[in-house]
N, C-alpha and C. Protein backbone atom coordinates (compact mmCIF):
# COMPACT_ATOMS: atom_id res chain seq x y z
N MET A 1 23.29 -58.23 -40.29
CA MET A 1 22.93 -57.69 -41.41
C MET A 1 21.76 -56.47 -40.89
N ASP A 2 22.03 -55.18 -41.80
CA ASP A 2 21.25 -54.03 -41.17
C ASP A 2 19.81 -54.28 -41.92
N VAL A 3 18.83 -53.84 -41.34
CA VAL A 3 17.52 -54.18 -42.13
C VAL A 3 17.60 -53.72 -43.56
N MET A 4 18.02 -52.44 -43.73
CA MET A 4 17.89 -51.66 -45.24
C MET A 4 19.12 -52.59 -45.85
N ASP A 5 19.64 -53.41 -45.87
CA ASP A 5 20.50 -54.24 -46.52
C ASP A 5 19.59 -55.31 -46.96
N ALA A 6 18.93 -55.84 -45.88
CA ALA A 6 17.82 -57.18 -46.34
C ALA A 6 16.90 -56.29 -47.05
N VAL A 7 16.57 -55.08 -47.27
CA VAL A 7 15.52 -54.69 -48.01
C VAL A 7 16.12 -54.38 -49.30
N ARG A 8 17.35 -53.75 -49.48
CA ARG A 8 18.01 -53.70 -50.76
C ARG A 8 18.08 -55.19 -51.32
N GLN A 9 18.56 -56.36 -50.60
CA GLN A 9 18.94 -57.45 -51.15
C GLN A 9 17.70 -58.25 -51.56
N ARG A 10 16.84 -57.94 -50.95
CA ARG A 10 15.50 -58.84 -51.39
C ARG A 10 14.72 -58.73 -52.67
N PHE A 11 14.80 -60.06 -53.38
CA PHE A 11 13.99 -59.82 -54.77
C PHE A 11 13.08 -61.25 -54.82
N SER A 12 12.20 -61.22 -55.99
CA SER A 12 11.50 -62.39 -55.92
C SER A 12 12.21 -63.22 -56.43
N VAL A 13 12.62 -64.65 -55.44
CA VAL A 13 13.09 -65.58 -56.19
C VAL A 13 12.03 -66.50 -57.03
N ARG A 14 12.78 -66.81 -58.31
CA ARG A 14 11.67 -67.89 -58.97
C ARG A 14 12.40 -69.07 -59.34
N LYS A 15 13.65 -69.10 -59.04
CA LYS A 15 14.47 -70.22 -59.29
C LYS A 15 15.40 -70.55 -57.81
N PHE A 16 15.25 -71.76 -57.76
CA PHE A 16 15.80 -72.26 -55.91
C PHE A 16 16.89 -73.50 -56.38
N LYS A 17 17.53 -73.16 -55.39
CA LYS A 17 18.64 -74.57 -55.42
C LYS A 17 17.77 -75.58 -55.00
N GLU A 18 18.16 -76.79 -54.94
CA GLU A 18 17.52 -78.08 -54.27
C GLU A 18 17.97 -78.37 -53.26
N TYR A 19 18.52 -77.65 -52.27
CA TYR A 19 18.80 -77.64 -51.07
C TYR A 19 17.72 -77.52 -49.96
N ASP A 20 17.25 -78.64 -49.02
CA ASP A 20 16.97 -78.34 -47.82
C ASP A 20 17.12 -77.21 -47.09
N ILE A 21 15.87 -76.64 -46.61
CA ILE A 21 16.34 -75.45 -45.54
C ILE A 21 16.36 -75.93 -44.40
N GLU A 22 18.03 -75.70 -43.63
CA GLU A 22 17.89 -76.10 -42.16
C GLU A 22 16.61 -75.34 -41.09
N ASP A 23 16.03 -76.70 -40.47
CA ASP A 23 14.99 -76.32 -39.17
C ASP A 23 15.41 -74.93 -38.34
N SER A 24 16.52 -74.71 -38.15
CA SER A 24 16.68 -73.65 -37.41
C SER A 24 16.51 -72.39 -38.16
N LYS A 25 16.95 -72.38 -39.35
CA LYS A 25 16.66 -71.20 -40.49
C LYS A 25 15.01 -70.94 -40.44
N LEU A 26 14.47 -71.81 -40.84
CA LEU A 26 13.00 -71.80 -41.01
C LEU A 26 12.35 -71.33 -39.60
N GLU A 27 12.66 -71.56 -38.65
CA GLU A 27 12.20 -71.25 -37.56
C GLU A 27 12.30 -69.89 -36.85
N ARG A 28 13.57 -69.67 -37.51
CA ARG A 28 13.99 -67.75 -37.34
C ARG A 28 13.01 -67.10 -38.57
N VAL A 29 12.80 -67.33 -39.50
CA VAL A 29 11.75 -67.08 -40.49
C VAL A 29 10.49 -67.11 -39.86
N LEU A 30 9.98 -68.00 -39.33
CA LEU A 30 8.79 -67.80 -38.82
C LEU A 30 8.64 -67.21 -37.59
N GLU A 31 9.69 -67.19 -36.77
CA GLU A 31 9.63 -66.20 -35.54
C GLU A 31 9.35 -64.97 -35.72
N ALA A 32 10.44 -64.52 -37.03
CA ALA A 32 9.85 -63.02 -37.48
C ALA A 32 8.31 -62.75 -37.79
N ALA A 33 7.77 -63.91 -38.40
CA ALA A 33 6.37 -63.49 -38.30
C ALA A 33 5.61 -63.26 -36.75
N ARG A 34 6.13 -64.32 -36.31
CA ARG A 34 5.35 -64.19 -34.99
C ARG A 34 5.50 -63.23 -34.19
N LEU A 35 6.85 -62.45 -34.24
CA LEU A 35 6.79 -61.03 -33.80
C LEU A 35 6.27 -59.83 -34.20
N ALA A 36 5.76 -60.21 -35.66
CA ALA A 36 5.09 -58.92 -36.11
C ALA A 36 3.93 -58.33 -35.59
N PRO A 37 3.97 -57.11 -35.93
CA PRO A 37 2.44 -56.23 -35.40
C PRO A 37 1.24 -56.70 -36.02
N SER A 38 0.36 -56.32 -35.15
CA SER A 38 -1.09 -56.58 -35.99
C SER A 38 -2.03 -55.64 -35.17
N ALA A 39 -3.05 -55.39 -35.90
CA ALA A 39 -4.35 -54.40 -35.25
C ALA A 39 -4.78 -55.13 -34.02
N ARG A 40 -4.49 -54.24 -32.91
CA ARG A 40 -5.09 -54.64 -31.72
C ARG A 40 -4.69 -56.07 -31.28
N ASN A 41 -3.47 -56.46 -31.57
CA ASN A 41 -2.61 -57.26 -31.21
C ASN A 41 -3.61 -58.76 -31.32
N LEU A 42 -4.14 -58.85 -32.54
CA LEU A 42 -5.17 -59.81 -32.69
C LEU A 42 -4.14 -61.30 -33.12
N GLN A 43 -3.44 -60.93 -33.53
CA GLN A 43 -2.23 -62.08 -33.94
C GLN A 43 -2.91 -63.21 -35.07
N GLU A 44 -3.95 -62.95 -35.82
CA GLU A 44 -4.95 -63.67 -36.69
C GLU A 44 -4.38 -64.75 -37.50
N TRP A 45 -2.91 -64.59 -37.64
CA TRP A 45 -2.31 -65.17 -38.91
C TRP A 45 -1.98 -66.55 -38.55
N ARG A 46 -1.90 -67.62 -39.29
CA ARG A 46 -1.50 -68.91 -39.30
C ARG A 46 -0.88 -69.11 -40.23
N PHE A 47 0.44 -70.27 -40.19
CA PHE A 47 0.89 -70.60 -41.29
C PHE A 47 1.01 -72.13 -41.48
N VAL A 48 0.91 -72.44 -42.61
CA VAL A 48 1.21 -74.00 -42.72
C VAL A 48 2.10 -73.78 -43.80
N VAL A 49 3.61 -74.87 -43.29
CA VAL A 49 4.59 -75.01 -43.88
C VAL A 49 4.71 -76.27 -44.78
N VAL A 50 4.64 -76.24 -45.90
CA VAL A 50 4.64 -77.35 -46.77
C VAL A 50 6.00 -77.74 -47.20
N ARG A 51 6.41 -78.94 -46.93
CA ARG A 51 7.66 -79.25 -47.46
C ARG A 51 7.56 -80.53 -48.33
N ASP A 52 6.57 -81.18 -48.45
CA ASP A 52 6.23 -82.47 -49.03
C ASP A 52 6.24 -82.04 -50.72
N PRO A 53 6.91 -82.84 -51.46
CA PRO A 53 7.44 -82.63 -52.72
C PRO A 53 5.90 -82.56 -53.77
N ASP A 54 5.38 -83.44 -53.38
CA ASP A 54 4.12 -83.99 -54.26
C ASP A 54 2.86 -82.70 -53.54
N MET A 55 2.93 -82.44 -52.33
CA MET A 55 2.06 -81.10 -51.98
C MET A 55 2.38 -80.18 -52.60
N ARG A 56 3.73 -79.81 -52.52
CA ARG A 56 4.49 -78.48 -53.34
C ARG A 56 4.04 -78.64 -54.68
N ALA A 57 4.08 -79.53 -55.40
CA ALA A 57 3.75 -79.41 -56.75
C ALA A 57 2.30 -79.10 -56.81
N SER A 58 1.37 -79.64 -56.09
CA SER A 58 -0.13 -79.55 -56.09
C SER A 58 -0.32 -77.97 -55.72
N LEU A 59 0.45 -77.41 -55.29
CA LEU A 59 0.24 -76.14 -54.63
C LEU A 59 0.76 -75.02 -55.98
N ALA A 60 1.75 -75.40 -56.70
CA ALA A 60 2.26 -74.72 -57.90
C ALA A 60 1.11 -74.82 -58.94
N GLU A 61 0.36 -76.20 -58.74
CA GLU A 61 -0.64 -76.32 -59.88
C GLU A 61 -1.75 -75.21 -59.60
N ALA A 62 -2.28 -75.27 -58.01
CA ALA A 62 -2.98 -74.19 -57.58
C ALA A 62 -2.80 -72.66 -57.80
N ALA A 63 -1.13 -72.57 -57.78
CA ALA A 63 -0.84 -71.19 -58.22
C ALA A 63 -0.89 -71.04 -59.23
N ASN A 64 -1.81 -71.34 -60.50
CA ASN A 64 -2.27 -71.10 -61.73
C ASN A 64 -0.81 -71.63 -62.77
N GLY A 65 -0.32 -72.78 -62.19
CA GLY A 65 0.86 -73.34 -62.73
C GLY A 65 2.14 -72.90 -62.74
N GLN A 66 2.26 -72.13 -61.90
CA GLN A 66 3.62 -71.15 -61.46
C GLN A 66 4.48 -72.66 -60.90
N ASN A 67 5.11 -73.16 -61.88
CA ASN A 67 6.01 -74.62 -61.20
C ASN A 67 7.21 -74.42 -60.50
N PHE A 68 7.46 -72.91 -60.65
CA PHE A 68 8.56 -72.50 -59.50
C PHE A 68 8.22 -72.67 -57.83
N VAL A 69 7.01 -72.37 -57.85
CA VAL A 69 6.35 -72.53 -56.26
C VAL A 69 6.65 -73.78 -55.80
N GLY A 70 6.46 -74.82 -57.00
CA GLY A 70 6.86 -76.57 -56.18
C GLY A 70 8.31 -77.00 -56.26
N GLU A 71 8.83 -76.10 -57.00
CA GLU A 71 10.24 -76.10 -56.71
C GLU A 71 11.03 -76.00 -55.68
N ALA A 72 10.44 -74.87 -55.13
CA ALA A 72 11.08 -74.60 -53.77
C ALA A 72 11.31 -75.64 -52.80
N PRO A 73 12.06 -75.47 -51.89
CA PRO A 73 12.26 -76.53 -50.89
C PRO A 73 11.15 -76.54 -49.92
N ALA A 74 10.39 -75.36 -49.69
CA ALA A 74 9.38 -75.55 -48.80
C ALA A 74 8.48 -74.21 -49.38
N VAL A 75 6.93 -74.25 -48.68
CA VAL A 75 6.06 -73.07 -49.16
C VAL A 75 5.46 -72.83 -48.06
N ILE A 76 5.28 -71.50 -47.56
CA ILE A 76 4.61 -71.21 -46.40
C ILE A 76 3.15 -70.45 -46.85
N VAL A 77 2.23 -71.05 -46.27
CA VAL A 77 1.01 -70.62 -46.64
C VAL A 77 0.47 -69.84 -45.64
N GLY A 78 0.20 -68.41 -46.01
CA GLY A 78 -0.33 -67.44 -45.04
C GLY A 78 -1.86 -67.42 -44.90
N CYS A 79 -2.10 -67.44 -43.64
CA CYS A 79 -3.88 -67.55 -43.43
C CYS A 79 -4.04 -66.80 -42.48
N ALA A 80 -5.41 -66.26 -42.51
CA ALA A 80 -5.99 -65.47 -41.29
C ALA A 80 -7.16 -66.23 -40.95
N VAL A 81 -7.48 -66.34 -39.53
CA VAL A 81 -8.29 -66.93 -38.69
C VAL A 81 -9.43 -66.32 -38.83
N THR A 82 -9.29 -64.94 -38.75
CA THR A 82 -10.51 -64.16 -38.74
C THR A 82 -10.53 -62.82 -39.79
N SER A 83 -11.73 -62.63 -39.93
CA SER A 83 -12.04 -61.37 -40.87
C SER A 83 -13.11 -60.30 -40.22
N GLU A 84 -13.26 -60.57 -39.07
CA GLU A 84 -14.65 -59.58 -38.71
C GLU A 84 -13.86 -58.45 -38.51
N HIS A 85 -12.49 -57.95 -37.71
CA HIS A 85 -12.11 -56.83 -37.19
C HIS A 85 -11.95 -55.94 -38.60
N VAL A 86 -12.87 -54.66 -38.42
CA VAL A 86 -12.69 -53.61 -39.50
C VAL A 86 -11.76 -52.59 -38.98
N MET A 87 -11.19 -51.92 -39.16
CA MET A 87 -10.48 -50.67 -38.29
C MET A 87 -11.26 -49.56 -38.62
N SER A 88 -11.13 -48.58 -37.88
CA SER A 88 -11.70 -47.34 -38.33
C SER A 88 -11.76 -46.74 -39.45
N CYS A 89 -10.33 -46.84 -40.19
CA CYS A 89 -10.27 -46.39 -41.46
C CYS A 89 -11.13 -46.91 -42.51
N GLY A 90 -11.89 -47.97 -42.02
CA GLY A 90 -12.75 -48.94 -42.94
C GLY A 90 -12.20 -50.10 -43.62
N LEU A 91 -10.70 -50.30 -43.17
CA LEU A 91 -9.94 -51.61 -43.70
C LEU A 91 -10.27 -52.76 -43.16
N HIS A 92 -10.16 -53.94 -43.49
CA HIS A 92 -10.27 -55.36 -43.02
C HIS A 92 -8.93 -54.87 -42.21
N CYS A 93 -8.52 -55.87 -40.96
CA CYS A 93 -7.07 -55.76 -40.58
C CYS A 93 -6.59 -57.38 -41.07
N PHE A 94 -6.95 -58.40 -41.63
CA PHE A 94 -6.47 -59.67 -41.77
C PHE A 94 -5.58 -59.32 -42.85
N PRO A 95 -5.97 -58.99 -44.16
CA PRO A 95 -5.08 -58.78 -44.99
C PRO A 95 -3.71 -57.93 -44.72
N ILE A 96 -4.00 -57.06 -43.91
CA ILE A 96 -2.77 -56.26 -43.90
C ILE A 96 -1.97 -56.63 -42.77
N ASP A 97 -2.20 -57.36 -41.91
CA ASP A 97 -1.78 -57.98 -40.82
C ASP A 97 -0.98 -59.37 -41.13
N VAL A 98 -1.54 -60.16 -42.06
CA VAL A 98 -1.10 -61.21 -42.46
C VAL A 98 0.04 -60.60 -43.21
N SER A 99 -0.08 -59.72 -44.37
CA SER A 99 0.91 -59.27 -45.28
C SER A 99 2.26 -58.49 -44.29
N ILE A 100 2.24 -58.26 -43.38
CA ILE A 100 3.16 -57.35 -42.82
C ILE A 100 4.16 -58.52 -41.88
N ALA A 101 3.22 -59.74 -41.43
CA ALA A 101 3.80 -60.88 -40.99
C ALA A 101 4.76 -61.63 -42.07
N MET A 102 4.13 -61.73 -43.26
CA MET A 102 4.88 -62.15 -44.42
C MET A 102 6.04 -61.31 -45.00
N ALA A 103 5.69 -60.05 -44.75
CA ALA A 103 6.98 -59.05 -44.91
C ALA A 103 8.44 -59.49 -44.39
N TYR A 104 7.69 -59.81 -42.87
CA TYR A 104 8.73 -59.70 -41.86
C TYR A 104 9.35 -61.29 -42.31
N MET A 105 8.78 -62.18 -42.65
CA MET A 105 9.65 -63.07 -43.01
C MET A 105 10.67 -63.25 -43.93
N THR A 106 10.17 -62.60 -45.45
CA THR A 106 11.01 -62.02 -46.35
C THR A 106 12.34 -61.65 -45.87
N LEU A 107 11.93 -60.62 -44.94
CA LEU A 107 13.52 -60.18 -44.50
C LEU A 107 14.31 -60.80 -43.75
N GLU A 108 13.55 -61.62 -43.03
CA GLU A 108 14.23 -62.52 -42.11
C GLU A 108 14.95 -63.79 -43.35
N ALA A 109 13.94 -64.02 -43.76
CA ALA A 109 14.77 -64.80 -45.17
C ALA A 109 15.97 -64.37 -45.78
N VAL A 110 16.09 -62.99 -46.07
CA VAL A 110 17.32 -62.70 -46.73
C VAL A 110 18.48 -62.69 -45.65
N GLU A 111 18.21 -62.55 -44.47
CA GLU A 111 19.12 -62.41 -43.41
C GLU A 111 19.62 -63.89 -43.35
N GLN A 112 18.89 -64.99 -43.57
CA GLN A 112 19.25 -66.28 -43.37
C GLN A 112 19.89 -66.69 -44.69
N GLY A 113 20.21 -66.18 -45.67
CA GLY A 113 20.60 -66.38 -46.87
C GLY A 113 19.87 -67.15 -47.70
N LEU A 114 18.43 -66.87 -47.43
CA LEU A 114 17.36 -67.59 -48.33
C LEU A 114 16.42 -66.72 -49.18
N GLY A 115 15.86 -67.23 -50.05
CA GLY A 115 14.89 -66.01 -50.84
C GLY A 115 13.43 -66.46 -50.73
N THR A 116 12.59 -65.74 -51.09
CA THR A 116 11.41 -66.00 -51.13
C THR A 116 10.50 -65.22 -52.34
N CYS A 117 9.31 -65.53 -52.71
CA CYS A 117 8.44 -64.97 -54.01
C CYS A 117 7.25 -64.55 -53.26
N TRP A 118 6.51 -63.59 -52.83
CA TRP A 118 5.21 -63.40 -52.47
C TRP A 118 4.10 -63.81 -53.72
N ILE A 119 3.20 -64.83 -53.53
CA ILE A 119 2.56 -65.47 -54.43
C ILE A 119 1.29 -64.96 -54.18
N GLY A 120 0.38 -63.90 -55.04
CA GLY A 120 -0.87 -63.75 -54.49
C GLY A 120 -1.77 -64.45 -55.68
N ALA A 121 -1.15 -64.82 -56.80
CA ALA A 121 -1.84 -65.80 -57.99
C ALA A 121 -2.12 -66.94 -57.55
N PHE A 122 -3.29 -67.53 -57.07
CA PHE A 122 -3.68 -68.92 -56.70
C PHE A 122 -5.02 -68.94 -56.80
N ASN A 123 -5.55 -70.17 -56.48
CA ASN A 123 -6.78 -70.66 -56.50
C ASN A 123 -6.78 -70.88 -54.95
N ALA A 124 -7.53 -69.94 -54.01
CA ALA A 124 -7.60 -70.24 -52.75
C ALA A 124 -8.38 -71.62 -52.00
N GLU A 125 -9.30 -71.76 -52.80
CA GLU A 125 -10.23 -72.77 -52.90
C GLU A 125 -9.42 -74.10 -52.96
N LYS A 126 -8.47 -74.07 -54.11
CA LYS A 126 -8.07 -75.49 -54.11
C LYS A 126 -6.63 -75.72 -53.17
N VAL A 127 -6.05 -74.35 -52.59
CA VAL A 127 -5.10 -74.63 -51.61
C VAL A 127 -5.81 -74.90 -50.14
N ARG A 128 -6.94 -74.40 -49.91
CA ARG A 128 -7.88 -74.81 -48.69
C ARG A 128 -8.18 -76.31 -48.99
N ARG A 129 -8.31 -76.71 -49.89
CA ARG A 129 -8.73 -78.58 -50.01
C ARG A 129 -7.44 -79.01 -49.81
N LEU A 130 -6.40 -78.70 -50.94
CA LEU A 130 -5.38 -79.39 -50.48
C LEU A 130 -4.89 -79.44 -49.39
N LEU A 131 -4.82 -78.28 -48.35
CA LEU A 131 -4.03 -78.68 -47.15
C LEU A 131 -5.24 -78.76 -46.12
N GLY A 132 -6.46 -78.96 -46.33
CA GLY A 132 -7.27 -79.21 -45.02
C GLY A 132 -7.71 -77.73 -44.45
N ILE A 133 -7.56 -76.87 -44.91
CA ILE A 133 -7.62 -75.46 -44.22
C ILE A 133 -9.61 -75.38 -43.98
N PRO A 134 -9.89 -74.97 -42.84
CA PRO A 134 -11.30 -74.84 -42.69
C PRO A 134 -12.00 -73.48 -43.47
N ASP A 135 -13.00 -73.88 -44.14
CA ASP A 135 -13.78 -73.00 -44.57
C ASP A 135 -13.90 -71.26 -44.30
N ASP A 136 -13.77 -71.28 -42.74
CA ASP A 136 -13.75 -69.81 -42.16
C ASP A 136 -12.13 -69.28 -41.93
N VAL A 137 -11.31 -69.90 -42.53
CA VAL A 137 -10.13 -69.27 -42.72
C VAL A 137 -9.56 -68.99 -43.85
N ILE A 138 -9.00 -67.56 -43.85
CA ILE A 138 -9.08 -67.30 -45.55
C ILE A 138 -7.30 -67.45 -45.68
N VAL A 139 -7.06 -67.91 -46.68
CA VAL A 139 -5.80 -68.11 -47.55
C VAL A 139 -5.43 -66.70 -48.06
N VAL A 140 -4.23 -65.97 -47.52
CA VAL A 140 -3.88 -64.93 -48.07
C VAL A 140 -3.14 -64.64 -49.12
N GLY A 141 -1.96 -65.53 -48.72
CA GLY A 141 -0.77 -65.72 -49.80
C GLY A 141 0.31 -67.00 -49.45
N LEU A 142 0.74 -67.04 -50.52
CA LEU A 142 2.03 -68.21 -50.58
C LEU A 142 3.39 -67.76 -50.58
N LEU A 143 4.16 -68.60 -49.80
CA LEU A 143 5.75 -67.90 -49.94
C LEU A 143 6.30 -69.19 -50.34
N PRO A 144 6.65 -69.33 -51.50
CA PRO A 144 8.05 -70.19 -51.69
C PRO A 144 9.14 -69.78 -51.12
N ILE A 145 9.89 -70.69 -50.36
CA ILE A 145 11.12 -70.09 -49.76
C ILE A 145 12.30 -71.32 -50.05
N GLY A 146 13.24 -70.86 -50.09
CA GLY A 146 14.70 -71.71 -50.56
C GLY A 146 15.69 -70.82 -50.63
N TYR A 147 16.82 -71.52 -50.81
CA TYR A 147 18.43 -70.90 -51.24
C TYR A 147 18.10 -70.24 -52.78
N PRO A 148 18.17 -69.55 -53.17
CA PRO A 148 18.06 -68.86 -54.44
C PRO A 148 18.93 -69.64 -55.72
N ASP A 149 18.62 -69.70 -56.90
CA ASP A 149 19.43 -70.14 -57.74
C ASP A 149 19.65 -69.36 -59.16
N GLN A 150 19.72 -68.00 -58.45
CA GLN A 150 19.75 -66.95 -59.58
C GLN A 150 20.27 -65.41 -59.01
N GLU A 151 20.56 -64.86 -59.69
CA GLU A 151 21.13 -63.20 -59.06
C GLU A 151 19.84 -62.32 -59.34
N ALA A 152 19.97 -61.63 -58.44
CA ALA A 152 18.89 -60.41 -58.40
C ALA A 152 19.21 -59.51 -59.31
N PRO A 153 18.00 -59.42 -60.03
CA PRO A 153 18.01 -58.45 -61.06
C PRO A 153 17.94 -56.90 -60.60
N PRO A 154 18.00 -56.23 -61.45
CA PRO A 154 18.16 -54.62 -60.88
C PRO A 154 16.95 -54.32 -60.58
N LYS A 155 16.95 -53.37 -59.39
CA LYS A 155 15.57 -52.86 -58.88
C LYS A 155 15.36 -51.85 -59.47
N ASN A 156 13.86 -51.60 -59.97
CA ASN A 156 13.43 -50.35 -60.87
C ASN A 156 12.40 -49.76 -60.02
N ARG A 157 12.79 -48.95 -59.45
CA ARG A 157 12.16 -48.20 -58.32
C ARG A 157 11.82 -46.72 -58.42
N SER A 158 10.53 -46.26 -58.30
CA SER A 158 10.42 -44.84 -58.69
C SER A 158 11.20 -43.86 -57.47
N ALA A 159 11.69 -42.63 -57.62
CA ALA A 159 12.59 -41.94 -56.86
C ALA A 159 11.51 -41.53 -55.75
N LEU A 160 12.11 -41.27 -54.71
CA LEU A 160 11.34 -41.02 -53.47
C LEU A 160 10.64 -39.70 -53.67
N ASP A 161 11.33 -38.77 -54.73
CA ASP A 161 10.13 -37.23 -54.59
C ASP A 161 9.03 -37.87 -55.71
N GLU A 162 9.09 -38.62 -56.20
CA GLU A 162 7.77 -39.01 -57.06
C GLU A 162 6.60 -39.83 -56.27
N ILE A 163 6.96 -40.30 -55.09
CA ILE A 163 5.96 -41.31 -54.16
C ILE A 163 5.85 -40.62 -53.17
N VAL A 164 6.92 -39.68 -52.63
CA VAL A 164 6.64 -39.02 -51.08
C VAL A 164 5.92 -37.50 -51.62
N MET A 165 5.18 -36.97 -50.53
CA MET A 165 4.61 -36.00 -50.70
C MET A 165 4.59 -35.11 -48.97
N GLU A 166 5.17 -33.88 -49.17
CA GLU A 166 5.34 -33.15 -47.96
C GLU A 166 3.72 -32.48 -47.55
N GLU A 167 3.48 -32.63 -46.03
CA GLU A 167 2.43 -32.03 -45.85
C GLU A 167 1.07 -32.15 -46.17
N ARG A 168 1.05 -31.97 -47.75
CA ARG A 168 -0.18 -32.35 -48.47
C ARG A 168 -0.32 -32.97 -49.82
N TRP A 169 -1.02 -33.45 -50.06
CA TRP A 169 -1.32 -34.38 -51.48
C TRP A 169 -1.01 -33.33 -52.62
N ARG A 170 0.01 -33.66 -53.64
CA ARG A 170 0.32 -32.77 -54.69
C ARG A 170 -0.21 -33.93 -55.93
N SER A 171 -0.32 -33.09 -57.06
CA SER A 171 -0.76 -33.85 -58.53
C SER A 171 0.37 -33.68 -59.05
């Protein structure tokens, strides 16, 4: 599959089939994260893969009651083991680096016939307690993953000329 095909086909899946994900497919998704770029090559990301149904249900509750999170056959929890590095532009690199790795996972998931949904609405402290994540590790996002049981809705995106400027900012 062409990368742009995966970009075009990816959508936020909120309904999953009750099929387990093959280990080989999940490993390829995680390998995509491992190969993602990171600032200064810190590779500060860590991922907790949750397949246990009871734990997934608890994660759904921690995700503000978004039940579909627990209905996915797996949830990948993206974490950062450091928050210290600040790039010269003034931004912390950990949320960017973990997000890039998770974006790579979403695209590889499409390649594997799987779907995902980025979850940023969750109680990090509850997730930390549920999974035994140390206090100094930051929970960045949840990624339910599985076989989609819904069709992709039409994408409503701004035109390129609305979001891209040449040479200088324009109003």
